[in-house]
Every structure is written in structure tokens, then in C-alpha cells.
N, C-alpha and C. Protein backbone atom coordinates (compact mmCIF):
# COMPACT_ATOMS: atom_id res chain seq x y z
N UNK A 1 -8.78 9.02 -10.93
CA UNK A 1 -7.74 8.80 -9.95
C UNK A 1 -6.76 7.75 -10.48
N UNK A 2 -5.48 8.03 -10.38
CA UNK A 2 -4.42 7.12 -10.80
C UNK A 2 -3.55 6.80 -9.58
N UNK A 3 -2.88 5.65 -9.65
CA UNK A 3 -1.95 5.26 -8.59
C UNK A 3 -0.61 4.93 -9.20
N UNK A 4 0.44 5.56 -8.67
CA UNK A 4 1.81 5.32 -9.09
C UNK A 4 2.54 4.64 -7.94
N UNK A 5 3.13 3.49 -8.23
CA UNK A 5 3.87 2.73 -7.22
C UNK A 5 5.31 2.61 -7.69
N UNK A 6 6.23 3.06 -6.85
CA UNK A 6 7.65 2.99 -7.16
C UNK A 6 8.27 1.87 -6.35
N UNK A 7 9.04 1.01 -7.02
CA UNK A 7 9.67 -0.13 -6.36
C UNK A 7 11.16 -0.11 -6.69
N UNK A 8 11.98 -0.04 -5.66
CA UNK A 8 13.42 -0.19 -5.89
C UNK A 8 13.72 -1.69 -5.98
N UNK A 9 14.59 -2.07 -6.87
CA UNK A 9 14.93 -3.49 -7.01
C UNK A 9 15.36 -4.07 -5.66
N UNK A 10 15.17 -5.38 -5.52
CA UNK A 10 15.56 -6.08 -4.29
C UNK A 10 17.08 -6.19 -4.20
N UNK A 11 17.55 -6.63 -3.04
CA UNK A 11 18.99 -6.74 -2.77
C UNK A 11 19.67 -7.58 -3.84
N UNK A 12 20.75 -6.99 -4.39
CA UNK A 12 21.45 -7.67 -5.47
C UNK A 12 22.83 -8.13 -5.03
N UNK A 13 23.40 -8.95 -5.85
CA UNK A 13 24.74 -9.45 -5.67
C UNK A 13 25.61 -8.78 -6.74
N UNK A 14 26.91 -8.87 -6.61
CA UNK A 14 27.80 -8.34 -7.64
C UNK A 14 28.96 -9.31 -7.82
N UNK A 15 28.67 -10.42 -8.51
CA UNK A 15 29.74 -11.41 -8.72
C UNK A 15 30.90 -10.81 -9.51
N UNK A 16 32.06 -11.36 -9.29
CA UNK A 16 33.26 -10.91 -10.02
C UNK A 16 33.02 -11.01 -11.52
N UNK A 17 33.57 -10.05 -12.25
CA UNK A 17 33.46 -10.00 -13.72
C UNK A 17 32.03 -9.87 -14.23
N UNK A 18 31.18 -9.22 -13.44
CA UNK A 18 29.79 -8.99 -13.84
C UNK A 18 29.58 -7.49 -14.04
N UNK A 19 29.03 -7.13 -15.18
CA UNK A 19 28.68 -5.73 -15.45
C UNK A 19 27.51 -5.31 -14.56
N UNK A 20 27.42 -4.01 -14.27
CA UNK A 20 26.34 -3.49 -13.43
C UNK A 20 24.97 -3.94 -13.95
N UNK A 21 24.76 -3.85 -15.24
CA UNK A 21 23.46 -4.17 -15.85
C UNK A 21 23.06 -5.63 -15.58
N UNK A 22 24.03 -6.51 -15.46
CA UNK A 22 23.79 -7.95 -15.35
C UNK A 22 23.84 -8.50 -13.93
N UNK A 23 23.82 -7.61 -12.94
CA UNK A 23 23.89 -8.07 -11.55
C UNK A 23 22.61 -8.83 -11.17
N UNK A 24 22.76 -10.04 -10.60
CA UNK A 24 21.59 -10.83 -10.19
C UNK A 24 21.13 -10.44 -8.79
N UNK A 25 19.97 -10.95 -8.42
CA UNK A 25 19.51 -10.77 -7.05
C UNK A 25 20.26 -11.71 -6.12
N UNK A 26 20.49 -11.23 -4.92
CA UNK A 26 21.07 -12.06 -3.85
C UNK A 26 19.94 -12.90 -3.25
N UNK A 27 20.30 -13.90 -2.46
CA UNK A 27 19.28 -14.73 -1.78
C UNK A 27 18.31 -13.86 -0.98
N UNK A 28 18.85 -12.88 -0.26
CA UNK A 28 18.00 -11.98 0.52
C UNK A 28 17.04 -11.22 -0.38
N UNK A 29 17.51 -10.82 -1.56
CA UNK A 29 16.65 -10.11 -2.51
C UNK A 29 15.51 -10.97 -3.02
N UNK A 30 15.80 -12.23 -3.32
CA UNK A 30 14.75 -13.15 -3.76
C UNK A 30 13.68 -13.29 -2.68
N UNK A 31 14.12 -13.43 -1.44
CA UNK A 31 13.20 -13.57 -0.30
C UNK A 31 12.38 -12.28 -0.12
N UNK A 32 13.05 -11.13 -0.11
CA UNK A 32 12.36 -9.86 0.12
C UNK A 32 11.34 -9.55 -0.98
N UNK A 33 11.68 -9.82 -2.22
CA UNK A 33 10.76 -9.53 -3.33
C UNK A 33 9.50 -10.38 -3.22
N UNK A 34 9.67 -11.65 -2.89
CA UNK A 34 8.52 -12.53 -2.72
C UNK A 34 7.64 -12.05 -1.57
N UNK A 35 8.28 -11.72 -0.45
CA UNK A 35 7.56 -11.26 0.74
C UNK A 35 6.81 -9.94 0.45
N UNK A 36 7.46 -9.01 -0.23
CA UNK A 36 6.83 -7.71 -0.51
C UNK A 36 5.66 -7.87 -1.46
N UNK A 37 5.82 -8.66 -2.51
CA UNK A 37 4.72 -8.86 -3.46
C UNK A 37 3.51 -9.47 -2.77
N UNK A 38 3.74 -10.48 -1.95
CA UNK A 38 2.64 -11.12 -1.23
C UNK A 38 1.99 -10.16 -0.24
N UNK A 39 2.80 -9.35 0.43
CA UNK A 39 2.27 -8.35 1.37
C UNK A 39 1.36 -7.36 0.66
N UNK A 40 1.81 -6.85 -0.50
CA UNK A 40 0.99 -5.89 -1.24
C UNK A 40 -0.33 -6.50 -1.67
N UNK A 41 -0.26 -7.71 -2.20
CA UNK A 41 -1.48 -8.40 -2.67
C UNK A 41 -2.43 -8.64 -1.50
N UNK A 42 -1.90 -9.13 -0.38
CA UNK A 42 -2.74 -9.40 0.80
C UNK A 42 -3.36 -8.14 1.37
N UNK A 43 -2.73 -6.99 1.12
CA UNK A 43 -3.25 -5.71 1.60
C UNK A 43 -4.02 -4.96 0.53
N UNK A 44 -4.46 -5.70 -0.47
CA UNK A 44 -5.34 -5.18 -1.53
C UNK A 44 -4.77 -4.01 -2.30
N UNK A 45 -3.46 -4.03 -2.51
CA UNK A 45 -2.84 -3.01 -3.35
C UNK A 45 -3.05 -3.45 -4.80
N UNK A 46 -3.87 -2.69 -5.51
CA UNK A 46 -4.23 -3.03 -6.89
C UNK A 46 -3.17 -2.48 -7.83
N UNK A 47 -2.72 -3.32 -8.73
CA UNK A 47 -1.75 -2.90 -9.75
C UNK A 47 -2.25 -3.44 -11.08
N UNK A 48 -2.28 -2.57 -12.11
CA UNK A 48 -2.74 -2.97 -13.44
C UNK A 48 -1.59 -3.35 -14.37
N UNK A 49 -0.41 -2.77 -14.12
CA UNK A 49 0.69 -2.97 -15.06
C UNK A 49 2.02 -2.79 -14.34
N UNK A 50 3.02 -3.55 -14.79
CA UNK A 50 4.40 -3.41 -14.31
C UNK A 50 5.25 -2.84 -15.44
N UNK A 51 6.09 -1.86 -15.10
CA UNK A 51 7.09 -1.34 -16.03
C UNK A 51 8.43 -1.40 -15.29
N UNK A 52 9.41 -2.06 -15.91
CA UNK A 52 10.67 -2.30 -15.23
C UNK A 52 11.86 -1.85 -16.05
N UNK A 53 12.88 -1.42 -15.35
CA UNK A 53 14.20 -1.30 -15.95
C UNK A 53 14.56 -2.67 -16.50
N UNK A 54 15.25 -2.73 -17.65
CA UNK A 54 15.65 -4.03 -18.18
C UNK A 54 16.86 -4.65 -17.48
N UNK A 55 17.50 -3.91 -16.57
CA UNK A 55 18.65 -4.47 -15.84
C UNK A 55 18.19 -5.70 -15.06
N UNK A 56 19.05 -6.70 -14.99
CA UNK A 56 18.67 -7.99 -14.44
C UNK A 56 18.07 -7.91 -13.04
N UNK A 57 18.66 -7.14 -12.14
CA UNK A 57 18.17 -7.10 -10.76
C UNK A 57 16.78 -6.47 -10.65
N UNK A 58 16.50 -5.45 -11.47
CA UNK A 58 15.18 -4.82 -11.45
C UNK A 58 14.15 -5.73 -12.12
N UNK A 59 14.50 -6.27 -13.27
CA UNK A 59 13.56 -7.14 -13.98
C UNK A 59 13.29 -8.42 -13.20
N UNK A 60 14.28 -8.95 -12.52
CA UNK A 60 14.06 -10.13 -11.68
C UNK A 60 13.11 -9.81 -10.53
N UNK A 61 13.27 -8.64 -9.93
CA UNK A 61 12.35 -8.21 -8.87
C UNK A 61 10.93 -8.12 -9.41
N UNK A 62 10.80 -7.50 -10.57
CA UNK A 62 9.50 -7.35 -11.22
C UNK A 62 8.88 -8.72 -11.52
N UNK A 63 9.68 -9.63 -12.04
CA UNK A 63 9.16 -10.96 -12.38
C UNK A 63 8.72 -11.73 -11.14
N UNK A 64 9.41 -11.53 -10.02
CA UNK A 64 8.97 -12.16 -8.77
C UNK A 64 7.62 -11.57 -8.34
N UNK A 65 7.46 -10.26 -8.44
CA UNK A 65 6.17 -9.63 -8.13
C UNK A 65 5.09 -10.21 -9.05
N UNK A 66 5.47 -10.46 -10.30
CA UNK A 66 4.50 -10.94 -11.27
C UNK A 66 4.05 -12.38 -10.99
N UNK A 67 4.84 -13.14 -10.25
CA UNK A 67 4.40 -14.47 -9.84
C UNK A 67 3.16 -14.36 -8.95
N UNK A 68 3.05 -13.27 -8.22
CA UNK A 68 1.90 -13.01 -7.36
C UNK A 68 0.76 -12.32 -8.12
N UNK A 69 1.09 -11.36 -8.99
CA UNK A 69 0.08 -10.53 -9.63
C UNK A 69 -0.38 -11.01 -11.02
N UNK A 70 0.47 -11.69 -11.77
CA UNK A 70 0.11 -12.16 -13.12
C UNK A 70 -0.38 -11.02 -14.02
N UNK A 71 0.51 -10.07 -14.31
CA UNK A 71 0.17 -8.90 -15.12
C UNK A 71 1.04 -8.80 -16.36
N UNK A 72 0.73 -7.82 -17.16
CA UNK A 72 1.59 -7.47 -18.28
C UNK A 72 2.85 -6.82 -17.72
N UNK A 73 4.01 -7.27 -18.21
CA UNK A 73 5.28 -6.67 -17.81
C UNK A 73 5.89 -6.00 -19.03
N UNK A 74 6.26 -4.76 -18.85
CA UNK A 74 6.93 -4.01 -19.92
C UNK A 74 8.29 -3.58 -19.40
N UNK A 75 9.31 -3.68 -20.24
CA UNK A 75 10.61 -3.12 -19.85
C UNK A 75 10.78 -1.79 -20.57
N UNK A 76 11.48 -0.89 -19.90
CA UNK A 76 11.75 0.42 -20.50
C UNK A 76 13.15 0.84 -20.07
N UNK A 77 14.04 0.99 -21.05
CA UNK A 77 15.43 1.32 -20.75
C UNK A 77 15.58 2.68 -20.09
N UNK A 78 14.56 3.52 -20.15
CA UNK A 78 14.62 4.83 -19.49
C UNK A 78 14.69 4.68 -17.97
N UNK A 79 14.30 3.51 -17.44
CA UNK A 79 14.30 3.29 -15.99
C UNK A 79 15.63 2.76 -15.47
N UNK A 80 16.61 2.57 -16.35
CA UNK A 80 17.97 2.19 -15.93
C UNK A 80 18.81 3.46 -15.93
N UNK A 81 19.49 3.74 -14.82
CA UNK A 81 20.22 5.00 -14.65
C UNK A 81 19.29 6.19 -14.87
N UNK A 82 18.09 6.08 -14.35
CA UNK A 82 17.05 7.08 -14.57
C UNK A 82 17.24 8.33 -13.73
N UNK A 83 16.84 9.46 -14.31
CA UNK A 83 16.72 10.69 -13.54
C UNK A 83 15.24 11.04 -13.46
N UNK A 84 14.92 12.15 -12.85
CA UNK A 84 13.52 12.51 -12.64
C UNK A 84 12.75 12.61 -13.94
N UNK A 85 13.34 13.21 -14.97
CA UNK A 85 12.63 13.36 -16.24
C UNK A 85 12.44 12.02 -16.94
N UNK A 86 13.33 11.05 -16.67
CA UNK A 86 13.16 9.71 -17.24
C UNK A 86 11.87 9.07 -16.71
N UNK A 87 11.65 9.18 -15.40
CA UNK A 87 10.44 8.63 -14.82
C UNK A 87 9.20 9.31 -15.40
N UNK A 88 9.25 10.64 -15.50
CA UNK A 88 8.12 11.38 -16.06
C UNK A 88 7.83 10.93 -17.48
N UNK A 89 8.86 10.74 -18.27
CA UNK A 89 8.69 10.31 -19.65
C UNK A 89 7.98 8.96 -19.73
N UNK A 90 8.35 8.03 -18.87
CA UNK A 90 7.69 6.71 -18.84
C UNK A 90 6.22 6.88 -18.43
N UNK A 91 5.96 7.73 -17.47
CA UNK A 91 4.58 7.98 -17.02
C UNK A 91 3.74 8.56 -18.14
N UNK A 92 4.28 9.54 -18.87
CA UNK A 92 3.52 10.16 -19.95
C UNK A 92 3.22 9.19 -21.08
N UNK A 93 3.99 8.12 -21.19
CA UNK A 93 3.76 7.12 -22.25
C UNK A 93 2.70 6.09 -21.86
N UNK A 94 2.22 6.11 -20.62
CA UNK A 94 1.23 5.13 -20.18
C UNK A 94 -0.13 5.38 -20.82
N UNK A 95 -0.81 4.30 -21.11
CA UNK A 95 -2.18 4.38 -21.62
C UNK A 95 -3.12 4.76 -20.48
N UNK A 96 -4.13 5.55 -20.77
CA UNK A 96 -5.05 5.99 -19.72
C UNK A 96 -5.98 4.89 -19.22
N UNK A 97 -6.01 3.75 -19.90
CA UNK A 97 -6.80 2.64 -19.36
C UNK A 97 -6.06 1.93 -18.23
N UNK A 98 -4.80 2.27 -18.01
CA UNK A 98 -4.03 1.77 -16.87
C UNK A 98 -4.27 2.74 -15.71
N UNK A 99 -4.86 2.24 -14.64
CA UNK A 99 -5.14 3.11 -13.50
C UNK A 99 -4.09 3.04 -12.40
N UNK A 100 -3.34 1.94 -12.38
CA UNK A 100 -2.33 1.75 -11.35
C UNK A 100 -1.12 1.07 -11.96
N UNK A 101 0.04 1.69 -11.83
CA UNK A 101 1.26 1.14 -12.40
C UNK A 101 2.32 1.03 -11.32
N UNK A 102 3.10 -0.06 -11.39
CA UNK A 102 4.28 -0.20 -10.53
C UNK A 102 5.50 -0.12 -11.42
N UNK A 103 6.42 0.78 -11.06
CA UNK A 103 7.64 0.99 -11.83
C UNK A 103 8.83 0.51 -11.00
N UNK A 104 9.64 -0.38 -11.60
CA UNK A 104 10.79 -0.99 -10.93
C UNK A 104 12.07 -0.34 -11.45
N UNK A 105 12.85 0.24 -10.53
CA UNK A 105 14.04 0.96 -10.96
C UNK A 105 15.10 0.90 -9.87
N UNK A 106 16.02 1.87 -9.91
CA UNK A 106 17.25 1.85 -9.12
C UNK A 106 17.45 3.16 -8.36
N UNK A 107 18.26 3.10 -7.31
CA UNK A 107 18.73 4.33 -6.67
C UNK A 107 19.91 4.84 -7.48
N UNK A 108 20.14 6.07 -7.50
CA UNK A 108 19.57 7.17 -6.74
C UNK A 108 18.34 7.76 -7.42
N UNK A 109 18.13 7.38 -8.65
CA UNK A 109 17.04 7.97 -9.42
C UNK A 109 15.68 7.81 -8.80
N UNK A 110 15.37 6.61 -8.29
CA UNK A 110 14.03 6.37 -7.77
C UNK A 110 13.78 7.18 -6.49
N UNK A 111 14.80 7.30 -5.64
CA UNK A 111 14.66 8.13 -4.43
C UNK A 111 14.51 9.60 -4.81
N UNK A 112 15.32 10.05 -5.74
CA UNK A 112 15.23 11.46 -6.17
C UNK A 112 13.86 11.78 -6.74
N UNK A 113 13.33 10.87 -7.55
CA UNK A 113 12.01 11.09 -8.15
C UNK A 113 10.93 11.11 -7.08
N UNK A 114 10.95 10.14 -6.16
CA UNK A 114 9.95 10.11 -5.08
C UNK A 114 10.01 11.38 -4.24
N UNK A 115 11.22 11.85 -3.97
CA UNK A 115 11.38 13.08 -3.18
C UNK A 115 10.90 14.30 -3.93
N UNK A 116 11.03 14.28 -5.24
CA UNK A 116 10.57 15.41 -6.06
C UNK A 116 9.04 15.51 -6.04
N UNK A 117 8.36 14.37 -6.08
CA UNK A 117 6.89 14.43 -6.18
C UNK A 117 6.19 14.28 -4.83
N UNK A 118 6.89 13.77 -3.82
CA UNK A 118 6.26 13.55 -2.52
C UNK A 118 6.41 14.72 -1.58
N UNK A 119 5.68 14.65 -0.48
CA UNK A 119 5.76 15.71 0.52
C UNK A 119 6.55 15.25 1.74
N UNK A 120 7.33 14.18 1.57
CA UNK A 120 8.21 13.71 2.63
C UNK A 120 9.49 13.19 1.99
N UNK A 121 10.48 12.94 2.81
CA UNK A 121 11.79 12.50 2.29
C UNK A 121 11.85 10.97 2.30
N UNK A 122 12.22 10.41 1.15
CA UNK A 122 12.33 8.97 1.01
C UNK A 122 13.78 8.59 0.73
N UNK A 123 14.23 7.57 1.40
CA UNK A 123 15.51 6.95 1.10
C UNK A 123 15.20 5.47 0.93
N UNK A 124 15.02 5.07 -0.31
CA UNK A 124 14.57 3.71 -0.60
C UNK A 124 15.58 2.66 -0.20
N UNK A 125 15.21 1.74 0.68
CA UNK A 125 16.05 0.56 0.86
C UNK A 125 15.78 -0.38 -0.32
N UNK A 126 16.60 -1.40 -0.48
CA UNK A 126 16.32 -2.36 -1.54
C UNK A 126 14.95 -2.99 -1.29
N UNK A 127 14.19 -3.13 -2.37
CA UNK A 127 12.81 -3.65 -2.37
C UNK A 127 11.84 -2.75 -1.59
N UNK A 128 12.23 -1.50 -1.38
CA UNK A 128 11.31 -0.54 -0.78
C UNK A 128 10.25 -0.15 -1.80
N UNK A 129 9.04 0.14 -1.30
CA UNK A 129 7.90 0.46 -2.15
C UNK A 129 7.21 1.70 -1.62
N UNK A 130 6.91 2.64 -2.51
CA UNK A 130 6.13 3.83 -2.15
C UNK A 130 5.01 4.00 -3.16
N UNK A 131 3.80 4.22 -2.66
CA UNK A 131 2.65 4.43 -3.53
C UNK A 131 2.12 5.84 -3.40
N UNK A 132 1.74 6.41 -4.53
CA UNK A 132 1.18 7.76 -4.59
C UNK A 132 -0.18 7.72 -5.27
N UNK A 133 -1.14 8.48 -4.74
CA UNK A 133 -2.39 8.69 -5.46
C UNK A 133 -2.24 9.99 -6.25
N UNK A 134 -2.75 9.96 -7.46
CA UNK A 134 -2.70 11.12 -8.34
C UNK A 134 -4.13 11.53 -8.65
N UNK A 135 -4.45 12.77 -8.39
CA UNK A 135 -5.80 13.25 -8.57
C UNK A 135 -6.01 13.66 -10.03
N UNK A 136 -6.08 12.63 -10.91
CA UNK A 136 -6.25 12.90 -12.33
C UNK A 136 -6.86 11.68 -13.01
N UNK A 137 -7.34 11.87 -14.22
CA UNK A 137 -7.89 10.78 -15.02
C UNK A 137 -6.97 10.39 -16.15
N UNK A 138 -5.96 11.20 -16.40
CA UNK A 138 -5.03 10.93 -17.50
C UNK A 138 -3.60 11.10 -17.00
N UNK A 139 -2.72 10.17 -17.44
CA UNK A 139 -1.30 10.27 -17.07
C UNK A 139 -0.69 11.55 -17.64
N UNK A 140 -1.29 12.11 -18.67
CA UNK A 140 -0.76 13.34 -19.26
C UNK A 140 -0.87 14.53 -18.30
N UNK A 141 -1.67 14.39 -17.25
CA UNK A 141 -1.85 15.44 -16.26
C UNK A 141 -0.88 15.31 -15.08
N UNK A 142 0.05 14.37 -15.18
CA UNK A 142 0.92 14.04 -14.04
C UNK A 142 1.59 15.25 -13.40
N UNK A 143 2.22 16.08 -14.21
CA UNK A 143 3.01 17.18 -13.66
C UNK A 143 2.16 18.14 -12.83
N UNK A 144 0.95 18.42 -13.29
CA UNK A 144 0.14 19.45 -12.64
C UNK A 144 -0.83 18.91 -11.59
N UNK A 145 -0.97 17.60 -11.50
CA UNK A 145 -1.97 17.05 -10.58
C UNK A 145 -1.46 16.99 -9.14
N UNK A 146 -2.41 16.94 -8.20
CA UNK A 146 -2.06 16.76 -6.80
C UNK A 146 -1.63 15.31 -6.58
N UNK A 147 -0.55 15.15 -5.82
CA UNK A 147 0.00 13.83 -5.53
C UNK A 147 0.03 13.65 -4.02
N UNK A 148 -0.40 12.47 -3.57
CA UNK A 148 -0.44 12.20 -2.14
C UNK A 148 0.17 10.83 -1.88
N UNK A 149 1.01 10.75 -0.86
CA UNK A 149 1.60 9.46 -0.49
C UNK A 149 0.50 8.59 0.13
N UNK A 150 0.33 7.40 -0.43
CA UNK A 150 -0.64 6.44 0.10
C UNK A 150 0.00 5.48 1.09
N UNK A 151 1.22 5.03 0.77
CA UNK A 151 1.90 4.06 1.63
C UNK A 151 3.39 4.04 1.32
N UNK A 152 4.14 3.55 2.28
CA UNK A 152 5.57 3.35 2.12
C UNK A 152 5.95 2.11 2.93
N UNK A 153 6.54 1.11 2.25
CA UNK A 153 6.87 -0.15 2.91
C UNK A 153 8.32 -0.52 2.68
N UNK A 154 8.92 -1.11 3.70
CA UNK A 154 10.28 -1.65 3.62
C UNK A 154 10.23 -3.11 4.02
N UNK A 155 11.00 -3.97 3.33
CA UNK A 155 10.95 -5.40 3.64
C UNK A 155 11.24 -5.72 5.11
N UNK A 156 12.19 -5.03 5.70
CA UNK A 156 12.57 -5.33 7.10
C UNK A 156 11.47 -4.98 8.09
N UNK A 157 10.52 -4.13 7.69
CA UNK A 157 9.48 -3.70 8.62
C UNK A 157 8.16 -4.43 8.40
N UNK A 158 8.15 -5.40 7.48
CA UNK A 158 6.92 -6.18 7.25
C UNK A 158 6.82 -7.27 8.29
N UNK A 159 5.59 -7.67 8.58
CA UNK A 159 5.36 -8.75 9.55
C UNK A 159 5.86 -10.07 9.01
């Protein structure tokens, strides 16, 4: 059994003369990322590895989660401006000793990917998280395995 967790980056800012790739998190994003990471940990959501888009807002979100989890963080440029096959490619590159991965990315790609593999419609808010259980022992079986939504959380709906 494998677990795939998709995390949209937290609320970002867009200061003047800043490229999309270099957009920082807004104050609300810093707060939401901290709150979401702590919520997941307190609710026993196990994560073995983080893989993040290298864009500043996604990587900053990931690093905030890592303050709670203390894991290996990997960046993968395929998760910036990602489409569905980009996510699959990152999944297929995972080592099978990783049982649970959280991938940090951006809309519209992350919503499109979740909708492709899930049995419900997702519209990720910033710092939204969706977890899927995969009925397989190897990430190489991703495409053909049964996928089930385990949870879906939004920062505004947390206690």
C-alpha cells in the first residue's frame, strides 16, 4: 500500500518586478502552511518524503511542512507548470522504499491531476491537501492500481 499526498502551495504574494517562479508566500500563506502541517501531524498522517516544485512559493510551503516533519526534501522541476504526465513521471521515479510521499505543486496542474486520478472533483485552494491510498507495493504500478481518496483538507476549514 502506498500513499500519495498532493499539496498546493500556500497563499503567495506577487511583489512588483517579481517573476512568477520567485513569488514569495504571503503572511496568510505562512500561517496556513504551519497550521496545515501541524494538523496533518496531529492527525497521524504519515509522510516519508517531500517532493516539491523548485518555485519559491511551493518550496517555501514544503520547507514549512518540514519544520514539523523533519524529512528528506527533494525538488523536481517537473512539478512547476506541471501537467498530469509530469506528476506521473515524478511518481514513477520514486523509490519503492518510500511508502508515503507529499508532492508540492501549483494550480491548475495539481487540480487537474487530482481530478484525473480521483473519483470526485477537486478545486484546490491554496495550501489545500488531498491524500490518496494506492493499492500497490511499487510506484511503477501507479497507472493501473486502484486509487482511493483518504482525505481532503482546506486551511479555512481546519479547527
